[in-house]
């Protein structure tokens, strides 16, 4: 929305639900290609919890073979204060002076 502020006037709750469903399908499809001990990075260019944290928490609730993995070492020093729950970061346009992004780092457990 930083570069396209008019989008917030056009998006509906139904649009958000549909986008979230697509994101869930993409995330679940990608898990097929992650080996035990491997890393999966989920990232969006939005600040909406329904496309970000909520998808990750729902995913982790349904998947005992994945866990959040520390993302801090991969984040620039000036953004490390924004890391949430050790494995997620939300970047906000107003706070961080860049477009909004969400990134989660997930590790497939070695069972």
PDB file of N, CA and C in Angstrom:
ATOM      1  N   UNK A   1       0.799  -1.189   0.000  1.00  0.00           N
ATOM      2  CA  UNK A   1       0.000   0.000   0.000  1.00  0.00           C
ATOM      3  C   UNK A   1       0.846   1.259   0.000  1.00  0.00           C
ATOM      4  N   UNK A   2       2.114   1.109   0.358  1.00  0.00           N
ATOM      5  CA  UNK A   2       3.005   2.265   0.396  1.00  0.00           C
ATOM      6  C   UNK A   2       3.105   2.905  -0.986  1.00  0.00           C
ATOM      7  N   UNK A   3       3.281   2.060  -2.017  1.00  0.00           N
ATOM      8  CA  UNK A   3       3.416   2.586  -3.374  1.00  0.00           C
ATOM      9  C   UNK A   3       2.082   2.654  -4.122  1.00  0.00           C
ATOM     10  N   UNK A   4       1.068   1.941  -3.598  1.00  0.00           N
ATOM     11  CA  UNK A   4      -0.256   1.931  -4.229  1.00  0.00           C
ATOM     12  C   UNK A   4      -1.317   2.194  -3.153  1.00  0.00           C
ATOM     13  N   UNK A   5      -1.366   3.408  -2.625  1.00  0.00           N
ATOM     14  CA  UNK A   5      -2.279   3.681  -1.512  1.00  0.00           C
ATOM     15  C   UNK A   5      -3.753   3.488  -1.849  1.00  0.00           C
ATOM     16  N   UNK A   6      -4.115   3.541  -3.121  1.00  0.00           N
ATOM     17  CA  UNK A   6      -5.519   3.372  -3.501  1.00  0.00           C
ATOM     18  C   UNK A   6      -6.009   1.939  -3.302  1.00  0.00           C
ATOM     19  N   UNK A   7      -5.095   0.982  -3.156  1.00  0.00           N
ATOM     20  CA  UNK A   7      -5.495  -0.418  -2.999  1.00  0.00           C
ATOM     21  C   UNK A   7      -6.332  -0.620  -1.737  1.00  0.00           C
ATOM     22  N   UNK A   8      -6.042   0.147  -0.689  1.00  0.00           N
ATOM     23  CA  UNK A   8      -6.796  -0.026   0.557  1.00  0.00           C
ATOM     24  C   UNK A   8      -8.259   0.396   0.399  1.00  0.00           C
ATOM     25  N   UNK A   9      -8.570   1.143  -0.617  1.00  0.00           N
ATOM     26  CA  UNK A   9      -9.942   1.552  -0.866  1.00  0.00           C
ATOM     27  C   UNK A   9     -10.712   0.509  -1.681  1.00  0.00           C
ATOM     28  N   UNK A  10      -9.995  -0.415  -2.293  1.00  0.00           N
ATOM     29  CA  UNK A  10     -10.617  -1.376  -3.195  1.00  0.00           C
ATOM     30  C   UNK A  10     -10.704  -2.788  -2.628  1.00  0.00           C
ATOM     31  N   UNK A  11      -9.862  -3.146  -1.677  1.00  0.00           N
ATOM     32  CA  UNK A  11      -9.801  -4.513  -1.183  1.00  0.00           C
ATOM     33  C   UNK A  11     -10.946  -4.786  -0.209  1.00  0.00           C
ATOM     34  N   UNK A  12     -11.525  -5.983  -0.308  1.00  0.00           N
ATOM     35  CA  UNK A  12     -12.645  -6.364   0.558  1.00  0.00           C
ATOM     36  C   UNK A  12     -12.211  -7.490   1.494  1.00  0.00           C
ATOM     37  N   UNK A  13     -13.038  -7.767   2.488  1.00  0.00           N
ATOM     38  CA  UNK A  13     -12.751  -8.893   3.387  1.00  0.00           C
ATOM     39  C   UNK A  13     -12.723 -10.201   2.608  1.00  0.00           C
ATOM     40  N   UNK A  14     -13.594 -10.339   1.634  1.00  0.00           N
ATOM     41  CA  UNK A  14     -13.613 -11.544   0.796  1.00  0.00           C
ATOM     42  C   UNK A  14     -12.300 -11.686   0.028  1.00  0.00           C
ATOM     43  N   UNK A  15     -11.769 -10.574  -0.475  1.00  0.00           N
ATOM     44  CA  UNK A  15     -10.472 -10.604  -1.162  1.00  0.00           C
ATOM     45  C   UNK A  15      -9.382 -11.129  -0.229  1.00  0.00           C
ATOM     46  N   UNK A  16      -9.390 -10.654   1.001  1.00  0.00           N
ATOM     47  CA  UNK A  16      -8.378 -11.075   1.975  1.00  0.00           C
ATOM     48  C   UNK A  16      -8.509 -12.562   2.274  1.00  0.00           C
ATOM     49  N   UNK A  17      -9.745 -13.047   2.437  1.00  0.00           N
ATOM     50  CA  UNK A  17      -9.955 -14.487   2.676  1.00  0.00           C
ATOM     51  C   UNK A  17      -9.441 -15.315   1.503  1.00  0.00           C
ATOM     52  N   UNK A  18      -9.737 -14.869   0.288  1.00  0.00           N
ATOM     53  CA  UNK A  18      -9.289 -15.599  -0.896  1.00  0.00           C
ATOM     54  C   UNK A  18      -7.761 -15.614  -0.993  1.00  0.00           C
ATOM     55  N   UNK A  19      -7.144 -14.470  -0.747  1.00  0.00           N
ATOM     56  CA  UNK A  19      -5.686 -14.389  -0.792  1.00  0.00           C
ATOM     57  C   UNK A  19      -5.077 -15.285   0.279  1.00  0.00           C
ATOM     58  N   UNK A  20      -5.656 -15.280   1.467  1.00  0.00           N
ATOM     59  CA  UNK A  20      -5.154 -16.118   2.557  1.00  0.00           C
ATOM     60  C   UNK A  20      -5.254 -17.595   2.204  1.00  0.00           C
ATOM     61  N   UNK A  21      -6.353 -17.990   1.573  1.00  0.00           N
ATOM     62  CA  UNK A  21      -6.504 -19.388   1.156  1.00  0.00           C
ATOM     63  C   UNK A  21      -5.433 -19.773   0.138  1.00  0.00           C
ATOM     64  N   UNK A  22      -5.140 -18.881  -0.788  1.00  0.00           N
ATOM     65  CA  UNK A  22      -4.082 -19.138  -1.776  1.00  0.00           C
ATOM     66  C   UNK A  22      -2.731 -19.270  -1.069  1.00  0.00           C
ATOM     67  N   UNK A  23      -2.456 -18.366  -0.129  1.00  0.00           N
ATOM     68  CA  UNK A  23      -1.186 -18.413   0.609  1.00  0.00           C
ATOM     69  C   UNK A  23      -1.042 -19.738   1.358  1.00  0.00           C
ATOM     70  N   UNK A  24      -2.126 -20.213   1.980  1.00  0.00           N
ATOM     71  CA  UNK A  24      -2.085 -21.491   2.707  1.00  0.00           C
ATOM     72  C   UNK A  24      -1.758 -22.639   1.763  1.00  0.00           C
ATOM     73  N   UNK A  25      -2.398 -22.630   0.599  1.00  0.00           N
ATOM     74  CA  UNK A  25      -2.139 -23.701  -0.380  1.00  0.00           C
ATOM     75  C   UNK A  25      -0.690 -23.669  -0.860  1.00  0.00           C
ATOM     76  N   UNK A  26      -0.174 -22.470  -1.112  1.00  0.00           N
ATOM     77  CA  UNK A  26       1.222 -22.337  -1.553  1.00  0.00           C
ATOM     78  C   UNK A  26       2.158 -22.867  -0.475  1.00  0.00           C
ATOM     79  N   UNK A  27       1.948 -22.455   0.768  1.00  0.00           N
ATOM     80  CA  UNK A  27       2.795 -22.901   1.875  1.00  0.00           C
ATOM     81  C   UNK A  27       2.761 -24.415   2.011  1.00  0.00           C
ATOM     82  N   UNK A  28       1.579 -24.994   1.998  1.00  0.00           N
ATOM     83  CA  UNK A  28       1.470 -26.446   2.151  1.00  0.00           C
ATOM     84  C   UNK A  28       2.071 -27.197   0.981  1.00  0.00           C
ATOM     85  N   UNK A  29       1.954 -26.665  -0.216  1.00  0.00           N
ATOM     86  CA  UNK A  29       2.562 -27.305  -1.380  1.00  0.00           C
ATOM     87  C   UNK A  29       4.090 -27.285  -1.268  1.00  0.00           C
ATOM     88  N   UNK A  30       4.633 -26.163  -0.827  1.00  0.00           N
ATOM     89  CA  UNK A  30       6.093 -26.033  -0.726  1.00  0.00           C
ATOM     90  C   UNK A  30       6.699 -26.986   0.301  1.00  0.00           C
ATOM     91  N   UNK A  31       5.934 -27.375   1.301  1.00  0.00           N
ATOM     92  CA  UNK A  31       6.483 -28.275   2.330  1.00  0.00           C
ATOM     93  C   UNK A  31       6.898 -29.623   1.747  1.00  0.00           C
ATOM     94  N   UNK A  32       6.311 -30.008   0.638  1.00  0.00           N
ATOM     95  CA  UNK A  32       6.649 -31.286   0.002  1.00  0.00           C
ATOM     96  C   UNK A  32       8.107 -31.341  -0.445  1.00  0.00           C
ATOM     97  N   UNK A  33       8.733 -30.180  -0.604  1.00  0.00           N
ATOM     98  CA  UNK A  33      10.087 -30.111  -1.149  1.00  0.00           C
ATOM     99  C   UNK A  33      11.144 -29.781  -0.103  1.00  0.00           C
ATOM    100  N   UNK A  34      10.758 -29.817   1.167  1.00  0.00           N
ATOM    101  CA  UNK A  34      11.690 -29.493   2.255  1.00  0.00           C
ATOM    102  C   UNK A  34      12.090 -30.790   2.953  1.00  0.00           C
ATOM    103  N   UNK A  35      13.383 -31.073   2.931  1.00  0.00           N
ATOM    104  CA  UNK A  35      13.908 -32.276   3.576  1.00  0.00           C
ATOM    105  C   UNK A  35      13.945 -32.083   5.092  1.00  0.00           C
ATOM    106  N   UNK A  36      13.976 -33.161   5.855  1.00  0.00           N
ATOM    107  CA  UNK A  36      14.159 -33.031   7.307  1.00  0.00           C
ATOM    108  C   UNK A  36      15.424 -32.221   7.611  1.00  0.00           C
ATOM    109  N   UNK A  37      15.282 -31.249   8.479  1.00  0.00           N
ATOM    110  CA  UNK A  37      16.383 -30.345   8.801  1.00  0.00           C
ATOM    111  C   UNK A  37      16.461 -29.155   7.864  1.00  0.00           C
ATOM    112  N   UNK A  38      15.674 -29.179   6.791  1.00  0.00           N
ATOM    113  CA  UNK A  38      15.690 -28.112   5.804  1.00  0.00           C
ATOM    114  C   UNK A  38      14.875 -26.901   6.240  1.00  0.00           C
ATOM    115  N   UNK A  39      15.085 -25.808   5.534  1.00  0.00           N
ATOM    116  CA  UNK A  39      14.465 -24.530   5.854  1.00  0.00           C
ATOM    117  C   UNK A  39      13.454 -24.144   4.779  1.00  0.00           C
ATOM    118  N   UNK A  40      12.334 -23.600   5.217  1.00  0.00           N
ATOM    119  CA  UNK A  40      11.331 -23.039   4.334  1.00  0.00           C
ATOM    120  C   UNK A  40      11.118 -21.597   4.782  1.00  0.00           C
ATOM    121  N   UNK A  41      11.227 -20.652   3.868  1.00  0.00           N
ATOM    122  CA  UNK A  41      11.006 -19.245   4.180  1.00  0.00           C
ATOM    123  C   UNK A  41       9.695 -18.831   3.533  1.00  0.00           C
ATOM    124  N   UNK A  42       8.783 -18.336   4.371  1.00  0.00           N
ATOM    125  CA  UNK A  42       7.490 -17.844   3.925  1.00  0.00           C
ATOM    126  C   UNK A  42       7.538 -16.326   4.002  1.00  0.00           C
ATOM    127  N   UNK A  43       7.242 -15.649   2.899  1.00  0.00           N
ATOM    128  CA  UNK A  43       7.339 -14.201   2.882  1.00  0.00           C
ATOM    129  C   UNK A  43       6.205 -13.609   2.055  1.00  0.00           C
ATOM    130  N   UNK A  44       5.681 -12.491   2.542  1.00  0.00           N
ATOM    131  CA  UNK A  44       4.667 -11.766   1.794  1.00  0.00           C
ATOM    132  C   UNK A  44       5.040 -10.288   1.762  1.00  0.00           C
ATOM    133  N   UNK A  45       4.459  -9.578   0.838  1.00  0.00           N
ATOM    134  CA  UNK A  45       4.679  -8.136   0.759  1.00  0.00           C
ATOM    135  C   UNK A  45       3.434  -7.411   1.266  1.00  0.00           C
ATOM    136  N   UNK A  46       2.976  -7.845   2.433  1.00  0.00           N
ATOM    137  CA  UNK A  46       1.802  -7.256   3.051  1.00  0.00           C
ATOM    138  C   UNK A  46       2.008  -7.152   4.556  1.00  0.00           C
ATOM    139  N   UNK A  47       1.164  -6.371   5.210  1.00  0.00           N
ATOM    140  CA  UNK A  47       1.244  -6.252   6.663  1.00  0.00           C
ATOM    141  C   UNK A  47      -0.007  -6.837   7.319  1.00  0.00           C
ATOM    142  N   UNK A  48      -0.806  -7.546   6.562  1.00  0.00           N
ATOM    143  CA  UNK A  48      -2.069  -8.102   7.053  1.00  0.00           C
ATOM    144  C   UNK A  48      -1.827  -9.394   7.832  1.00  0.00           C
ATOM    145  N   UNK A  49      -2.250  -9.421   9.091  1.00  0.00           N
ATOM    146  CA  UNK A  49      -2.057 -10.608   9.943  1.00  0.00           C
ATOM    147  C   UNK A  49      -2.695 -11.861   9.340  1.00  0.00           C
ATOM    148  N   UNK A  50      -3.786 -11.691   8.579  1.00  0.00           N
ATOM    149  CA  UNK A  50      -4.469 -12.842   7.993  1.00  0.00           C
ATOM    150  C   UNK A  50      -3.627 -13.516   6.910  1.00  0.00           C
ATOM    151  N   UNK A  51      -2.714 -12.796   6.318  1.00  0.00           N
ATOM    152  CA  UNK A  51      -1.823 -13.378   5.314  1.00  0.00           C
ATOM    153  C   UNK A  51      -0.464 -13.737   5.905  1.00  0.00           C
ATOM    154  N   UNK A  52      -0.229 -13.335   7.133  1.00  0.00           N
ATOM    155  CA  UNK A  52       1.098 -13.466   7.727  1.00  0.00           C
ATOM    156  C   UNK A  52       1.084 -14.360   8.963  1.00  0.00           C
ATOM    157  N   UNK A  53       1.112 -13.753  10.137  1.00  0.00           N
ATOM    158  CA  UNK A  53       1.216 -14.506  11.381  1.00  0.00           C
ATOM    159  C   UNK A  53       0.119 -15.552  11.518  1.00  0.00           C
ATOM    160  N   UNK A  54      -1.114 -15.191  11.175  1.00  0.00           N
ATOM    161  CA  UNK A  54      -2.210 -16.138  11.335  1.00  0.00           C
ATOM    162  C   UNK A  54      -2.004 -17.393  10.487  1.00  0.00           C
ATOM    163  N   UNK A  55      -1.492 -17.227   9.287  1.00  0.00           N
ATOM    164  CA  UNK A  55      -1.228 -18.393   8.446  1.00  0.00           C
ATOM    165  C   UNK A  55      -0.137 -19.255   9.064  1.00  0.00           C
ATOM    166  N   UNK A  56       0.902 -18.626   9.580  1.00  0.00           N
ATOM    167  CA  UNK A  56       1.998 -19.393  10.187  1.00  0.00           C
ATOM    168  C   UNK A  56       1.521 -20.125  11.427  1.00  0.00           C
ATOM    169  N   UNK A  57       0.779 -19.450  12.314  1.00  0.00           N
ATOM    170  CA  UNK A  57       0.291 -20.110  13.531  1.00  0.00           C
ATOM    171  C   UNK A  57      -0.653 -21.258  13.194  1.00  0.00           C
ATOM    172  N   UNK A  58      -1.537 -21.057  12.238  1.00  0.00           N
ATOM    173  CA  UNK A  58      -2.441 -22.132  11.819  1.00  0.00           C
ATOM    174  C   UNK A  58      -1.646 -23.295  11.222  1.00  0.00           C
ATOM    175  N   UNK A  59      -0.661 -22.969  10.400  1.00  0.00           N
ATOM    176  CA  UNK A  59       0.183 -24.002   9.806  1.00  0.00           C
ATOM    177  C   UNK A  59       0.886 -24.822  10.891  1.00  0.00           C
ATOM    178  N   UNK A  60       1.490 -24.143  11.858  1.00  0.00           N
ATOM    179  CA  UNK A  60       2.224 -24.838  12.918  1.00  0.00           C
ATOM    180  C   UNK A  60       1.293 -25.649  13.825  1.00  0.00           C
ATOM    181  N   UNK A  61       0.080 -25.180  14.019  1.00  0.00           N
ATOM    182  CA  UNK A  61      -0.890 -25.940  14.816  1.00  0.00           C
ATOM    183  C   UNK A  61      -1.237 -27.268  14.155  1.00  0.00           C
ATOM    184  N   UNK A  62      -1.210 -27.294  12.837  1.00  0.00           N
ATOM    185  CA  UNK A  62      -1.574 -28.505  12.108  1.00  0.00           C
ATOM    186  C   UNK A  62      -0.402 -29.361  11.657  1.00  0.00           C
ATOM    187  N   UNK A  63       0.805 -28.896  11.890  1.00  0.00           N
ATOM    188  CA  UNK A  63       1.995 -29.614  11.408  1.00  0.00           C
ATOM    189  C   UNK A  63       3.017 -29.762  12.527  1.00  0.00           C
ATOM    190  N   UNK A  64       3.144 -30.951  13.053  1.00  0.00           N
ATOM    191  CA  UNK A  64       4.128 -31.172  14.117  1.00  0.00           C
ATOM    192  C   UNK A  64       5.538 -31.361  13.550  1.00  0.00           C
ATOM    193  N   UNK A  65       5.669 -31.434  12.234  1.00  0.00           N
ATOM    194  CA  UNK A  65       6.976 -31.662  11.620  1.00  0.00           C
ATOM    195  C   UNK A  65       7.709 -30.372  11.269  1.00  0.00           C
ATOM    196  N   UNK A  66       7.115 -29.207  11.570  1.00  0.00           N
ATOM    197  CA  UNK A  66       7.774 -27.923  11.330  1.00  0.00           C
ATOM    198  C   UNK A  66       7.769 -27.093  12.604  1.00  0.00           C
ATOM    199  N   UNK A  67       8.771 -26.216  12.719  1.00  0.00           N
ATOM    200  CA  UNK A  67       8.861 -25.288  13.846  1.00  0.00           C
ATOM    201  C   UNK A  67       9.468 -23.981  13.356  1.00  0.00           C
ATOM    202  N   UNK A  68       9.203 -22.904  14.105  1.00  0.00           N
ATOM    203  CA  UNK A  68       9.856 -21.633  13.795  1.00  0.00           C
ATOM    204  C   UNK A  68      11.343 -21.773  14.048  1.00  0.00           C
ATOM    205  N   UNK A  69      12.146 -21.160  13.204  1.00  0.00           N
ATOM    206  CA  UNK A  69      13.597 -21.194  13.341  1.00  0.00           C
ATOM    207  C   UNK A  69      14.102 -19.759  13.455  1.00  0.00           C
ATOM    208  N   UNK A  70      15.133 -19.561  14.224  1.00  0.00           N
ATOM    209  CA  UNK A  70      15.645 -18.211  14.477  1.00  0.00           C
ATOM    210  C   UNK A  70      15.993 -17.500  13.174  1.00  0.00           C
ATOM    211  N   UNK A  71      15.354 -16.365  12.965  1.00  0.00           N
ATOM    212  CA  UNK A  71      15.559 -15.578  11.748  1.00  0.00           C
ATOM    213  C   UNK A  71      16.553 -14.439  11.975  1.00  0.00           C
ATOM    214  N   UNK A  72      16.821 -14.105  13.231  1.00  0.00           N
ATOM    215  CA  UNK A  72      17.646 -12.933  13.576  1.00  0.00           C
ATOM    216  C   UNK A  72      18.979 -12.844  12.841  1.00  0.00           C
ATOM    217  N   UNK A  73      19.741 -13.947  12.723  1.00  0.00           N
ATOM    218  CA  UNK A  73      21.046 -13.818  12.059  1.00  0.00           C
ATOM    219  C   UNK A  73      20.967 -13.405  10.588  1.00  0.00           C
ATOM    220  N   UNK A  74      19.787 -13.498  10.002  1.00  0.00           N
ATOM    221  CA  UNK A  74      19.624 -13.215   8.577  1.00  0.00           C
ATOM    222  C   UNK A  74      18.974 -11.859   8.314  1.00  0.00           C
ATOM    223  N   UNK A  75      18.724 -11.118   9.378  1.00  0.00           N
ATOM    224  CA  UNK A  75      18.049  -9.834   9.291  1.00  0.00           C
ATOM    225  C   UNK A  75      19.078  -8.723   9.514  1.00  0.00           C
ATOM    226  N   UNK A  76      19.028  -7.655   8.718  1.00  0.00           N
ATOM    227  CA  UNK A  76      19.954  -6.541   8.956  1.00  0.00           C
ATOM    228  C   UNK A  76      19.829  -6.030  10.392  1.00  0.00           C
ATOM    229  N   UNK A  77      20.947  -5.630  10.945  1.00  0.00           N
ATOM    230  CA  UNK A  77      21.016  -5.177  12.341  1.00  0.00           C
ATOM    231  C   UNK A  77      19.928  -4.155  12.682  1.00  0.00           C
ATOM    232  N   UNK A  78      19.690  -3.197  11.798  1.00  0.00           N
ATOM    233  CA  UNK A  78      18.726  -2.132  12.091  1.00  0.00           C
ATOM    234  C   UNK A  78      17.281  -2.621  12.130  1.00  0.00           C
ATOM    235  N   UNK A  79      17.001  -3.831  11.655  1.00  0.00           N
ATOM    236  CA  UNK A  79      15.643  -4.376  11.672  1.00  0.00           C
ATOM    237  C   UNK A  79      15.452  -5.474  12.711  1.00  0.00           C
ATOM    238  N   UNK A  80      16.494  -5.874  13.396  1.00  0.00           N
ATOM    239  CA  UNK A  80      16.403  -7.006  14.326  1.00  0.00           C
ATOM    240  C   UNK A  80      15.445  -6.765  15.482  1.00  0.00           C
ATOM    241  N   UNK A  81      15.208  -5.518  15.835  1.00  0.00           N
ATOM    242  CA  UNK A  81      14.254  -5.216  16.900  1.00  0.00           C
ATOM    243  C   UNK A  81      12.820  -5.543  16.524  1.00  0.00           C
ATOM    244  N   UNK A  82      12.574  -5.813  15.252  1.00  0.00           N
ATOM    245  CA  UNK A  82      11.228  -6.117  14.775  1.00  0.00           C
ATOM    246  C   UNK A  82      10.941  -7.613  14.733  1.00  0.00           C
ATOM    247  N   UNK A  83      11.920  -8.445  15.100  1.00  0.00           N
ATOM    248  CA  UNK A  83      11.733  -9.894  15.051  1.00  0.00           C
ATOM    249  C   UNK A  83      10.737 -10.299  16.127  1.00  0.00           C
ATOM    250  N   UNK A  84       9.731 -11.072  15.709  1.00  0.00           N
ATOM    251  CA  UNK A  84       8.707 -11.576  16.616  1.00  0.00           C
ATOM    252  C   UNK A  84       8.866 -13.082  16.753  1.00  0.00           C
ATOM    253  N   UNK A  85       8.604 -13.611  17.905  1.00  0.00           N
ATOM    254  CA  UNK A  85       8.577 -15.065  18.121  1.00  0.00           C
ATOM    255  C   UNK A  85       9.789 -15.781  17.555  1.00  0.00           C
ATOM    256  N   UNK A  86      10.926 -15.195  17.579  1.00  0.00           N
ATOM    257  CA  UNK A  86      12.214 -15.685  17.092  1.00  0.00           C
ATOM    258  C   UNK A  86      12.249 -16.065  15.620  1.00  0.00           C
ATOM    259  N   UNK A  87      11.151 -16.478  15.034  1.00  0.00           N
ATOM    260  CA  UNK A  87      11.185 -16.942  13.656  1.00  0.00           C
ATOM    261  C   UNK A  87      10.438 -16.082  12.658  1.00  0.00           C
ATOM    262  N   UNK A  88       9.909 -14.927  13.112  1.00  0.00           N
ATOM    263  CA  UNK A  88       9.116 -14.084  12.213  1.00  0.00           C
ATOM    264  C   UNK A  88       9.515 -12.620  12.372  1.00  0.00           C
ATOM    265  N   UNK A  89       9.401 -11.889  11.278  1.00  0.00           N
ATOM    266  CA  UNK A  89       9.624 -10.445  11.326  1.00  0.00           C
ATOM    267  C   UNK A  89       8.554  -9.752  10.497  1.00  0.00           C
ATOM    268  N   UNK A  90       8.036  -8.657  11.037  1.00  0.00           N
ATOM    269  CA  UNK A  90       7.094  -7.811  10.307  1.00  0.00           C
ATOM    270  C   UNK A  90       7.773  -6.476  10.072  1.00  0.00           C
ATOM    271  N   UNK A  91       7.906  -6.100   8.828  1.00  0.00           N
ATOM    272  CA  UNK A  91       8.504  -4.819   8.454  1.00  0.00           C
ATOM    273  C   UNK A  91       7.358  -3.886   8.070  1.00  0.00           C
ATOM    274  N   UNK A  92       7.351  -2.698   8.672  1.00  0.00           N
ATOM    275  CA  UNK A  92       6.263  -1.750   8.463  1.00  0.00           C
ATOM    276  C   UNK A  92       6.757  -0.491   7.761  1.00  0.00           C
ATOM    277  N   UNK A  93       6.000  -0.014   6.782  1.00  0.00           N
ATOM    278  CA  UNK A  93       6.435   1.175   6.030  1.00  0.00           C
ATOM    279  C   UNK A  93       6.657   2.405   6.913  1.00  0.00           C
ATOM    280  N   UNK A  94       5.724   2.699   7.799  1.00  0.00           N
ATOM    281  CA  UNK A  94       5.840   3.897   8.630  1.00  0.00           C
ATOM    282  C   UNK A  94       6.968   3.844   9.635  1.00  0.00           C
ATOM    283  N   UNK A  95       7.287   2.665  10.115  1.00  0.00           N
ATOM    284  CA  UNK A  95       8.318   2.494  11.122  1.00  0.00           C
ATOM    285  C   UNK A  95       9.695   2.288  10.506  1.00  0.00           C
ATOM    286  N   UNK A  96       9.758   1.530   9.421  1.00  0.00           N
ATOM    287  CA  UNK A  96      11.038   1.086   8.873  1.00  0.00           C
ATOM    288  C   UNK A  96      11.448   1.797   7.589  1.00  0.00           C
ATOM    289  N   UNK A  97      10.619   2.699   7.103  1.00  0.00           N
ATOM    290  CA  UNK A  97      10.903   3.509   5.913  1.00  0.00           C
ATOM    291  C   UNK A  97      11.150   2.683   4.653  1.00  0.00           C
ATOM    292  N   UNK A  98      10.528   1.511   4.591  1.00  0.00           N
ATOM    293  CA  UNK A  98      10.544   0.678   3.385  1.00  0.00           C
ATOM    294  C   UNK A  98       9.160   0.050   3.249  1.00  0.00           C
ATOM    295  N   UNK A  99       8.905  -0.609   2.143  1.00  0.00           N
ATOM    296  CA  UNK A  99       7.614  -1.261   1.957  1.00  0.00           C
ATOM    297  C   UNK A  99       7.384  -2.305   3.043  1.00  0.00           C
ATOM    298  N   UNK A 100       6.117  -2.604   3.295  1.00  0.00           N
ATOM    299  CA  UNK A 100       5.762  -3.596   4.289  1.00  0.00           C
ATOM    300  C   UNK A 100       6.032  -5.009   3.802  1.00  0.00           C
ATOM    301  N   UNK A 101       6.639  -5.810   4.675  1.00  0.00           N
ATOM    302  CA  UNK A 101       6.937  -7.210   4.372  1.00  0.00           C
ATOM    303  C   UNK A 101       6.764  -8.036   5.631  1.00  0.00           C
ATOM    304  N   UNK A 102       6.513  -9.311   5.429  1.00  0.00           N
ATOM    305  CA  UNK A 102       6.493 -10.275   6.519  1.00  0.00           C
ATOM    306  C   UNK A 102       7.364 -11.445   6.082  1.00  0.00           C
ATOM    307  N   UNK A 103       8.168 -11.958   6.997  1.00  0.00           N
ATOM    308  CA  UNK A 103       9.024 -13.105   6.696  1.00  0.00           C
ATOM    309  C   UNK A 103       8.987 -14.053   7.882  1.00  0.00           C
ATOM    310  N   UNK A 104       8.792 -15.332   7.606  1.00  0.00           N
ATOM    311  CA  UNK A 104       8.868 -16.380   8.637  1.00  0.00           C
ATOM    312  C   UNK A 104       9.861 -17.427   8.163  1.00  0.00           C
ATOM    313  N   UNK A 105      10.675 -17.888   9.095  1.00  0.00           N
ATOM    314  CA  UNK A 105      11.657 -18.931   8.794  1.00  0.00           C
ATOM    315  C   UNK A 105      11.221 -20.199   9.536  1.00  0.00           C
ATOM    316  N   UNK A 106      10.969 -21.244   8.773  1.00  0.00           N
ATOM    317  CA  UNK A 106      10.494 -22.507   9.329  1.00  0.00           C
ATOM    318  C   UNK A 106      11.514 -23.605   9.062  1.00  0.00           C
ATOM    319  N   UNK A 107      11.697 -24.475  10.026  1.00  0.00           N
ATOM    320  CA  UNK A 107      12.601 -25.616   9.865  1.00  0.00           C
ATOM    321  C   UNK A 107      11.784 -26.891   9.975  1.00  0.00           C
ATOM    322  N   UNK A 108      12.027 -27.799   9.031  1.00  0.00           N
ATOM    323  CA  UNK A 108      11.392 -29.137   9.128  1.00  0.00           C
ATOM    324  C   UNK A 108      12.178 -29.950  10.141  1.00  0.00           C
ATOM    325  N   UNK A 109      11.490 -30.439  11.133  1.00  0.00           N
ATOM    326  CA  UNK A 109      12.131 -31.210  12.193  1.00  0.00           C
ATOM    327  C   UNK A 109      12.678 -32.521  11.653  1.00  0.00           C
ATOM    328  N   UNK A 110      13.739 -32.973  12.258  1.00  0.00           N
ATOM    329  CA  UNK A 110      14.285 -34.292  11.949  1.00  0.00           C
ATOM    330  C   UNK A 110      13.636 -35.248  12.930  1.00  0.00           C
ATOM    331  N   UNK A 111      12.752 -36.072  12.449  1.00  0.00           N
ATOM    332  CA  UNK A 111      11.993 -36.973  13.344  1.00  0.00           C
ATOM    333  C   UNK A 111      12.608 -38.342  13.389  1.00  0.00           C
TER     334      UNK A 111
END
